[in-house]
PDB file of N, CA and C in Angstrom:
ATOM      1  N   MET A   1      23.413 -12.379 -26.417  1.00  0.00           N
ATOM      2  CA  MET A   1      22.509 -11.593 -26.973  1.00  0.00           C
ATOM      3  C   MET A   1      21.735 -10.960 -25.823  1.00  0.00           C
ATOM      4  N   VAL A   2      21.805  -9.600 -25.897  1.00  0.00           N
ATOM      5  CA  VAL A   2      21.076  -8.767 -24.861  1.00  0.00           C
ATOM      6  C   VAL A   2      19.646  -8.280 -25.526  1.00  0.00           C
ATOM      7  N   ASN A   3      18.751  -8.558 -24.582  1.00  0.00           N
ATOM      8  CA  ASN A   3      17.449  -7.990 -25.140  1.00  0.00           C
ATOM      9  C   ASN A   3      17.278  -6.473 -24.595  1.00  0.00           C
ATOM     10  N   GLU A   4      17.107  -5.819 -25.713  1.00  0.00           N
ATOM     11  CA  GLU A   4      17.048  -4.356 -25.538  1.00  0.00           C
ATOM     12  C   GLU A   4      15.475  -3.826 -25.566  1.00  0.00           C
ATOM     13  N   GLU A   5      14.570  -4.657 -25.346  1.00  0.00           N
ATOM     14  CA  GLU A   5      13.180  -4.341 -25.240  1.00  0.00           C
ATOM     15  C   GLU A   5      12.862  -3.832 -23.798  1.00  0.00           C
ATOM     16  N   THR A   6      12.149  -3.090 -23.564  1.00  0.00           N
ATOM     17  CA  THR A   6      11.612  -2.630 -22.179  1.00  0.00           C
ATOM     18  C   THR A   6      10.782  -3.605 -21.711  1.00  0.00           C
ATOM     19  N   MET A   7      11.087  -4.020 -20.428  1.00  0.00           N
ATOM     20  CA  MET A   7      10.316  -5.197 -19.825  1.00  0.00           C
ATOM     21  C   MET A   7       8.989  -4.495 -18.973  1.00  0.00           C
ATOM     22  N   MET A   8       7.722  -5.135 -19.086  1.00  0.00           N
ATOM     23  CA  MET A   8       6.576  -4.636 -18.426  1.00  0.00           C
ATOM     24  C   MET A   8       6.664  -5.161 -17.038  1.00  0.00           C
ATOM     25  N   PHE A   9       6.370  -4.324 -16.160  1.00  0.00           N
ATOM     26  CA  PHE A   9       6.273  -4.732 -14.748  1.00  0.00           C
ATOM     27  C   PHE A   9       4.743  -4.534 -14.287  1.00  0.00           C
ATOM     28  N   LYS A  10       4.140  -5.740 -14.142  1.00  0.00           N
ATOM     29  CA  LYS A  10       2.724  -5.607 -13.899  1.00  0.00           C
ATOM     30  C   LYS A  10       2.186  -6.593 -12.826  1.00  0.00           C
ATOM     31  N   PHE A  11       1.354  -6.365 -11.923  1.00  0.00           N
ATOM     32  CA  PHE A  11       0.851  -7.171 -11.139  1.00  0.00           C
ATOM     33  C   PHE A  11      -0.528  -7.799 -11.240  1.00  0.00           C
ATOM     34  N   GLY A  12      -1.292  -7.383 -11.917  1.00  0.00           N
ATOM     35  CA  GLY A  12      -2.341  -8.067 -12.245  1.00  0.00           C
ATOM     36  C   GLY A  12      -3.381  -6.869 -11.903  1.00  0.00           C
ATOM     37  N   ASN A  13      -4.879  -7.331 -11.903  1.00  0.00           N
ATOM     38  CA  ASN A  13      -5.812  -6.233 -12.012  1.00  0.00           C
ATOM     39  C   ASN A  13      -6.584  -6.109 -10.753  1.00  0.00           C
ATOM     40  N   ASP A  14      -5.875  -6.158  -9.591  1.00  0.00           N
ATOM     41  CA  ASP A  14      -6.512  -6.091  -8.108  1.00  0.00           C
ATOM     42  C   ASP A  14      -6.323  -4.876  -7.642  1.00  0.00           C
ATOM     43  N   GLU A  15      -6.093  -3.701  -8.391  1.00  0.00           N
ATOM     44  CA  GLU A  15      -5.939  -2.386  -7.799  1.00  0.00           C
ATOM     45  C   GLU A  15      -7.160  -1.948  -6.743  1.00  0.00           C
ATOM     46  N   ASN A  16      -8.270  -2.219  -7.119  1.00  0.00           N
ATOM     47  CA  ASN A  16      -9.337  -2.004  -6.216  1.00  0.00           C
ATOM     48  C   ASN A  16      -9.371  -2.652  -4.919  1.00  0.00           C
ATOM     49  N   LYS A  17      -8.844  -3.849  -4.870  1.00  0.00           N
ATOM     50  CA  LYS A  17      -8.499  -4.299  -3.520  1.00  0.00           C
ATOM     51  C   LYS A  17      -7.457  -3.702  -2.607  1.00  0.00           C
ATOM     52  N   ALA A  18      -6.271  -3.244  -3.320  1.00  0.00           N
ATOM     53  CA  ALA A  18      -5.342  -2.513  -2.706  1.00  0.00           C
ATOM     54  C   ALA A  18      -5.642  -1.258  -2.228  1.00  0.00           C
ATOM     55  N   GLU A  19      -6.475  -0.594  -3.049  1.00  0.00           N
ATOM     56  CA  GLU A  19      -7.060   0.740  -2.695  1.00  0.00           C
ATOM     57  C   GLU A  19      -8.006   0.651  -1.699  1.00  0.00           C
ATOM     58  N   ARG A  20      -9.001  -0.298  -1.504  1.00  0.00           N
ATOM     59  CA  ARG A  20      -9.673  -0.659  -0.503  1.00  0.00           C
ATOM     60  C   ARG A  20      -9.190  -0.939   1.052  1.00  0.00           C
ATOM     61  N   ILE A  21      -8.103  -1.581   0.741  1.00  0.00           N
ATOM     62  CA  ILE A  21      -7.249  -1.992   2.157  1.00  0.00           C
ATOM     63  C   ILE A  21      -6.490  -0.770   2.433  1.00  0.00           C
ATOM     64  N   ILE A  22      -5.919   0.095   1.521  1.00  0.00           N
ATOM     65  CA  ILE A  22      -5.086   1.174   2.038  1.00  0.00           C
ATOM     66  C   ILE A  22      -6.136   2.216   2.824  1.00  0.00           C
ATOM     67  N   ARG A  23      -7.342   2.437   2.130  1.00  0.00           N
ATOM     68  CA  ARG A  23      -8.455   3.339   2.733  1.00  0.00           C
ATOM     69  C   ARG A  23      -8.919   2.735   4.130  1.00  0.00           C
ATOM     70  N   ASN A  24      -9.054   1.439   4.347  1.00  0.00           N
ATOM     71  CA  ASN A  24      -9.519   0.829   5.485  1.00  0.00           C
ATOM     72  C   ASN A  24      -8.503   1.192   6.658  1.00  0.00           C
ATOM     73  N   VAL A  25      -7.188   0.739   6.138  1.00  0.00           N
ATOM     74  CA  VAL A  25      -6.086   0.662   7.264  1.00  0.00           C
ATOM     75  C   VAL A  25      -5.921   2.234   7.653  1.00  0.00           C
ATOM     76  N   CYS A  26      -5.880   3.316   6.655  1.00  0.00           N
ATOM     77  CA  CYS A  26      -5.774   4.671   6.993  1.00  0.00           C
ATOM     78  C   CYS A  26      -6.737   5.216   8.122  1.00  0.00           C
ATOM     79  N   GLN A  27      -8.125   4.654   7.775  1.00  0.00           N
ATOM     80  CA  GLN A  27      -9.158   5.272   8.496  1.00  0.00           C
ATOM     81  C   GLN A  27      -9.099   4.562   9.947  1.00  0.00           C
ATOM     82  N   ALA A  28      -8.456   3.371   9.844  1.00  0.00           N
ATOM     83  CA  ALA A  28      -8.383   2.753  11.472  1.00  0.00           C
ATOM     84  C   ALA A  28      -7.351   3.444  12.049  1.00  0.00           C
ATOM     85  N   MET A  29      -6.134   3.787  11.364  1.00  0.00           N
ATOM     86  CA  MET A  29      -5.048   4.618  12.068  1.00  0.00           C
ATOM     87  C   MET A  29      -5.434   5.823  12.579  1.00  0.00           C
ATOM     88  N   GLN A  30      -6.198   6.697  11.694  1.00  0.00           N
ATOM     89  CA  GLN A  30      -6.717   7.935  12.051  1.00  0.00           C
ATOM     90  C   GLN A  30      -7.736   7.881  13.300  1.00  0.00           C
ATOM     91  N   GLU A  31      -8.514   6.890  13.379  1.00  0.00           N
ATOM     92  CA  GLU A  31      -9.417   6.725  14.468  1.00  0.00           C
ATOM     93  C   GLU A  31      -8.712   6.396  15.808  1.00  0.00           C
ATOM     94  N   LYS A  32      -7.515   5.798  15.672  1.00  0.00           N
ATOM     95  CA  LYS A  32      -6.723   5.535  16.801  1.00  0.00           C
ATOM     96  C   LYS A  32      -5.822   6.671  17.188  1.00  0.00           C
ATOM     97  N   GLY A  33      -5.755   7.742  16.347  1.00  0.00           N
ATOM     98  CA  GLY A  33      -4.927   8.810  16.523  1.00  0.00           C
ATOM     99  C   GLY A  33      -3.436   8.769  15.976  1.00  0.00           C
ATOM    100  N   TYR A  34      -3.243   8.044  15.144  1.00  0.00           N
ATOM    101  CA  TYR A  34      -2.022   7.870  14.344  1.00  0.00           C
ATOM    102  C   TYR A  34      -1.953   8.658  13.096  1.00  0.00           C
ATOM    103  N   ASN A  35      -1.030   9.167  12.572  1.00  0.00           N
ATOM    104  CA  ASN A  35      -0.801   9.746  11.281  1.00  0.00           C
ATOM    105  C   ASN A  35      -0.611   8.647  10.359  1.00  0.00           C
ATOM    106  N   PRO A  36      -1.755   8.541   9.469  1.00  0.00           N
ATOM    107  CA  PRO A  36      -1.492   7.207   8.582  1.00  0.00           C
ATOM    108  C   PRO A  36      -0.142   7.261   7.738  1.00  0.00           C
ATOM    109  N   ILE A  37       0.004   8.655   7.242  1.00  0.00           N
ATOM    110  CA  ILE A  37       1.067   8.740   6.324  1.00  0.00           C
ATOM    111  C   ILE A  37       2.438   7.977   6.738  1.00  0.00           C
ATOM    112  N   ASN A  38       2.711   8.592   8.079  1.00  0.00           N
ATOM    113  CA  ASN A  38       3.991   8.275   8.705  1.00  0.00           C
ATOM    114  C   ASN A  38       3.954   6.702   8.940  1.00  0.00           C
ATOM    115  N   GLN A  39       2.854   6.334   9.398  1.00  0.00           N
ATOM    116  CA  GLN A  39       2.673   4.871   9.773  1.00  0.00           C
ATOM    117  C   GLN A  39       2.844   3.966   8.588  1.00  0.00           C
ATOM    118  N   LEU A  40       2.414   4.361   7.436  1.00  0.00           N
ATOM    119  CA  LEU A  40       2.346   3.556   6.204  1.00  0.00           C
ATOM    120  C   LEU A  40       3.938   3.660   5.713  1.00  0.00           C
ATOM    121  N   VAL A  41       4.587   4.689   5.838  1.00  0.00           N
ATOM    122  CA  VAL A  41       5.975   4.887   5.347  1.00  0.00           C
ATOM    123  C   VAL A  41       6.813   4.093   6.123  1.00  0.00           C
ATOM    124  N   GLY A  42       6.539   3.979   7.373  1.00  0.00           N
ATOM    125  CA  GLY A  42       7.246   3.086   8.355  1.00  0.00           C
ATOM    126  C   GLY A  42       7.195   1.718   8.010  1.00  0.00           C
ATOM    127  N   TYR A  43       6.075   1.328   7.736  1.00  0.00           N
ATOM    128  CA  TYR A  43       5.575  -0.169   7.347  1.00  0.00           C
ATOM    129  C   TYR A  43       6.310  -0.364   5.959  1.00  0.00           C
ATOM    130  N   LEU A  44       6.106   0.467   4.937  1.00  0.00           N
ATOM    131  CA  LEU A  44       6.534   0.252   3.594  1.00  0.00           C
ATOM    132  C   LEU A  44       8.154   0.000   3.543  1.00  0.00           C
ATOM    133  N   LEU A  45       8.932   0.972   4.503  1.00  0.00           N
ATOM    134  CA  LEU A  45      10.223   0.877   4.524  1.00  0.00           C
ATOM    135  C   LEU A  45      10.860  -0.268   5.182  1.00  0.00           C
ATOM    136  N   SER A  46      10.170  -0.663   6.294  1.00  0.00           N
ATOM    137  CA  SER A  46      10.550  -1.680   7.368  1.00  0.00           C
ATOM    138  C   SER A  46      10.091  -3.002   7.012  1.00  0.00           C
ATOM    139  N   GLY A  47       8.947  -3.116   6.617  1.00  0.00           N
ATOM    140  CA  GLY A  47       8.273  -4.336   6.558  1.00  0.00           C
ATOM    141  C   GLY A  47       7.727  -4.709   7.954  1.00  0.00           C
ATOM    142  N   ASP A  48       7.704  -4.081   8.880  1.00  0.00           N
ATOM    143  CA  ASP A  48       7.311  -4.243  10.139  1.00  0.00           C
ATOM    144  C   ASP A  48       5.906  -4.041  10.405  1.00  0.00           C
ATOM    145  N   PRO A  49       4.942  -5.067  10.642  1.00  0.00           N
ATOM    146  CA  PRO A  49       3.591  -4.786  10.673  1.00  0.00           C
ATOM    147  C   PRO A  49       3.191  -4.097  11.986  1.00  0.00           C
ATOM    148  N   ALA A  50       4.105  -3.780  12.918  1.00  0.00           N
ATOM    149  CA  ALA A  50       3.826  -3.034  14.088  1.00  0.00           C
ATOM    150  C   ALA A  50       3.456  -1.723  13.777  1.00  0.00           C
ATOM    151  N   TYR A  51       3.945  -1.318  12.886  1.00  0.00           N
ATOM    152  CA  TYR A  51       3.700   0.282  12.343  1.00  0.00           C
ATOM    153  C   TYR A  51       2.039   0.537  12.185  1.00  0.00           C
ATOM    154  N   VAL A  52       1.220  -0.658  11.767  1.00  0.00           N
ATOM    155  CA  VAL A  52       0.064  -0.613  11.641  1.00  0.00           C
ATOM    156  C   VAL A  52      -0.822  -0.993  12.811  1.00  0.00           C
ATOM    157  N   THR A  53      -1.699  -0.366  13.060  1.00  0.00           N
ATOM    158  CA  THR A  53      -2.746  -0.788  14.292  1.00  0.00           C
ATOM    159  C   THR A  53      -3.278  -2.041  14.059  1.00  0.00           C
ATOM    160  N   SER A  54      -3.768  -2.830  15.100  1.00  0.00           N
ATOM    161  CA  SER A  54      -4.459  -4.147  14.931  1.00  0.00           C
ATOM    162  C   SER A  54      -5.945  -3.807  15.015  1.00  0.00           C
ATOM    163  N   TYR A  55      -6.190  -2.440  15.145  1.00  0.00           N
ATOM    164  CA  TYR A  55      -7.614  -2.043  15.495  1.00  0.00           C
ATOM    165  C   TYR A  55      -8.382  -2.246  14.150  1.00  0.00           C
ATOM    166  N   LYS A  56      -9.604  -2.731  14.259  1.00  0.00           N
ATOM    167  CA  LYS A  56     -10.353  -2.982  12.831  1.00  0.00           C
ATOM    168  C   LYS A  56      -9.688  -3.843  12.085  1.00  0.00           C
ATOM    169  N   ASP A  57      -8.810  -4.909  12.738  1.00  0.00           N
ATOM    170  CA  ASP A  57      -8.133  -5.883  11.760  1.00  0.00           C
ATOM    171  C   ASP A  57      -7.387  -5.161  10.552  1.00  0.00           C
ATOM    172  N   ALA A  58      -6.865  -3.938  11.002  1.00  0.00           N
ATOM    173  CA  ALA A  58      -6.186  -3.250  10.086  1.00  0.00           C
ATOM    174  C   ALA A  58      -4.717  -3.883   9.645  1.00  0.00           C
ATOM    175  N   ARG A  59      -4.142  -4.345  10.639  1.00  0.00           N
ATOM    176  CA  ARG A  59      -2.562  -5.027  10.506  1.00  0.00           C
ATOM    177  C   ARG A  59      -2.855  -6.143   9.457  1.00  0.00           C
ATOM    178  N   ASN A  60      -3.977  -7.152   9.886  1.00  0.00           N
ATOM    179  CA  ASN A  60      -4.068  -8.254   9.098  1.00  0.00           C
ATOM    180  C   ASN A  60      -4.559  -7.762   7.619  1.00  0.00           C
ATOM    181  N   GLN A  61      -5.328  -6.898   7.482  1.00  0.00           N
ATOM    182  CA  GLN A  61      -5.699  -6.607   6.272  1.00  0.00           C
ATOM    183  C   GLN A  61      -4.461  -6.111   5.495  1.00  0.00           C
ATOM    184  N   ILE A  62      -3.622  -5.272   5.713  1.00  0.00           N
ATOM    185  CA  ILE A  62      -2.452  -4.683   5.168  1.00  0.00           C
ATOM    186  C   ILE A  62      -1.190  -5.721   4.910  1.00  0.00           C
ATOM    187  N   ARG A  63      -1.414  -6.734   5.560  1.00  0.00           N
ATOM    188  CA  ARG A  63      -0.621  -7.919   5.433  1.00  0.00           C
ATOM    189  C   ARG A  63      -0.911  -8.995   4.329  1.00  0.00           C
ATOM    190  N   LYS A  64      -2.196  -8.816   3.845  1.00  0.00           N
ATOM    191  CA  LYS A  64      -2.768  -9.500   2.697  1.00  0.00           C
ATOM    192  C   LYS A  64      -2.225  -9.105   1.466  1.00  0.00           C
ATOM    193  N   LEU A  65      -1.542  -8.059   1.212  1.00  0.00           N
ATOM    194  CA  LEU A  65      -0.834  -7.334   0.248  1.00  0.00           C
ATOM    195  C   LEU A  65       0.597  -7.430   0.314  1.00  0.00           C
ATOM    196  N   GLU A  66       1.315  -7.403  -0.759  1.00  0.00           N
ATOM    197  CA  GLU A  66       2.766  -7.497  -0.671  1.00  0.00           C
ATOM    198  C   GLU A  66       3.051  -5.807  -0.586  1.00  0.00           C
ATOM    199  N   ARG A  67       4.082  -5.431  -0.136  1.00  0.00           N
ATOM    200  CA  ARG A  67       4.628  -3.892   0.061  1.00  0.00           C
ATOM    201  C   ARG A  67       4.719  -3.416  -1.388  1.00  0.00           C
ATOM    202  N   ASP A  68       5.188  -4.144  -2.433  1.00  0.00           N
ATOM    203  CA  ASP A  68       5.357  -3.443  -3.784  1.00  0.00           C
ATOM    204  C   ASP A  68       3.861  -3.538  -4.496  1.00  0.00           C
ATOM    205  N   GLU A  69       2.837  -4.310  -4.088  1.00  0.00           N
ATOM    206  CA  GLU A  69       1.581  -3.871  -4.461  1.00  0.00           C
ATOM    207  C   GLU A  69       1.050  -2.590  -3.962  1.00  0.00           C
ATOM    208  N   LEU A  70       1.401  -2.359  -2.684  1.00  0.00           N
ATOM    209  CA  LEU A  70       0.978  -1.172  -1.931  1.00  0.00           C
ATOM    210  C   LEU A  70       1.561   0.140  -2.531  1.00  0.00           C
ATOM    211  N   LEU A  71       2.604   0.073  -2.860  1.00  0.00           N
ATOM    212  CA  LEU A  71       3.529   0.967  -3.581  1.00  0.00           C
ATOM    213  C   LEU A  71       2.827   1.208  -4.867  1.00  0.00           C
ATOM    214  N   GLU A  72       2.688   0.252  -5.676  1.00  0.00           N
ATOM    215  CA  GLU A  72       2.105   0.127  -6.991  1.00  0.00           C
ATOM    216  C   GLU A  72       0.828   0.954  -7.065  1.00  0.00           C
ATOM    217  N   GLU A  73      -0.010   0.686  -5.908  1.00  0.00           N
ATOM    218  CA  GLU A  73      -1.273   1.388  -5.957  1.00  0.00           C
ATOM    219  C   GLU A  73      -0.986   2.940  -5.376  1.00  0.00           C
ATOM    220  N   LEU A  74      -0.437   3.285  -4.492  1.00  0.00           N
ATOM    221  CA  LEU A  74      -0.118   4.537  -4.175  1.00  0.00           C
ATOM    222  C   LEU A  74       0.533   5.607  -5.171  1.00  0.00           C
ATOM    223  N   VAL A  75       1.440   4.853  -6.075  1.00  0.00           N
ATOM    224  CA  VAL A  75       1.969   5.586  -7.164  1.00  0.00           C
ATOM    225  C   VAL A  75       0.981   5.770  -8.213  1.00  0.00           C
ATOM    226  N   ARG A  76       0.208   4.713  -8.538  1.00  0.00           N
ATOM    227  CA  ARG A  76      -0.962   4.898  -9.385  1.00  0.00           C
ATOM    228  C   ARG A  76      -1.963   6.087  -8.938  1.00  0.00           C
ATOM    229  N   ALA A  77      -2.378   6.126  -7.751  1.00  0.00           N
ATOM    230  CA  ALA A  77      -3.286   7.002  -7.372  1.00  0.00           C
ATOM    231  C   ALA A  77      -2.430   8.479  -7.438  1.00  0.00           C
ATOM    232  N   TYR A  78      -1.291   8.505  -7.222  1.00  0.00           N
ATOM    233  CA  TYR A  78      -0.742   9.895  -7.330  1.00  0.00           C
ATOM    234  C   TYR A  78      -0.727  10.477  -8.803  1.00  0.00           C
ATOM    235  N   LEU A  79      -0.293   9.544  -9.557  1.00  0.00           N
ATOM    236  CA  LEU A  79      -0.108   9.940 -10.944  1.00  0.00           C
ATOM    237  C   LEU A  79      -1.501  10.283 -11.645  1.00  0.00           C
ATOM    238  N   GLU A  80      -2.443   9.511 -11.068  1.00  0.00           N
ATOM    239  CA  GLU A  80      -3.754   9.841 -11.781  1.00  0.00           C
ATOM    240  C   GLU A  80      -4.367  11.193 -11.201  1.00  0.00           C
ATOM    241  N   LYS A  81      -4.037  11.561  -9.899  1.00  0.00           N
ATOM    242  CA  LYS A  81      -4.370  12.603  -9.407  1.00  0.00           C
ATOM    243  C   LYS A  81      -3.639  13.829 -10.004  1.00  0.00           C
ATOM    244  N   GLN A  82      -2.439  13.919 -10.406  1.00  0.00           N
ATOM    245  CA  GLN A  82      -1.723  14.709 -11.248  1.00  0.00           C
ATOM    246  C   GLN A  82      -2.003  15.133 -12.729  1.00  0.00           C
ATOM    247  N   ALA A  83      -2.899  14.164 -13.082  1.00  0.00           N
ATOM    248  CA  ALA A  83      -3.271  14.214 -14.663  1.00  0.00           C
ATOM    249  C   ALA A  83      -4.391  15.100 -14.695  1.00  0.00           C
TER     250      ALA A  83
END
């Protein structure tokens, strides 16, 4: 028997934590002269934390979240901005 209902993919209600971490990490990267978009894309694609500066504990902060949680927050923020 095949289940034909659409599955819900949900992480929990900690979007504010993800948003706060992304903002803090991006600010730290900008302060160090890095392009935060390029660096985040590198991290998200590779999983290599070396793409994120250790300045202001940014590397440790970003590793507190799974990459799929980061992607979820980025997509959510993008779609809300488009609405």
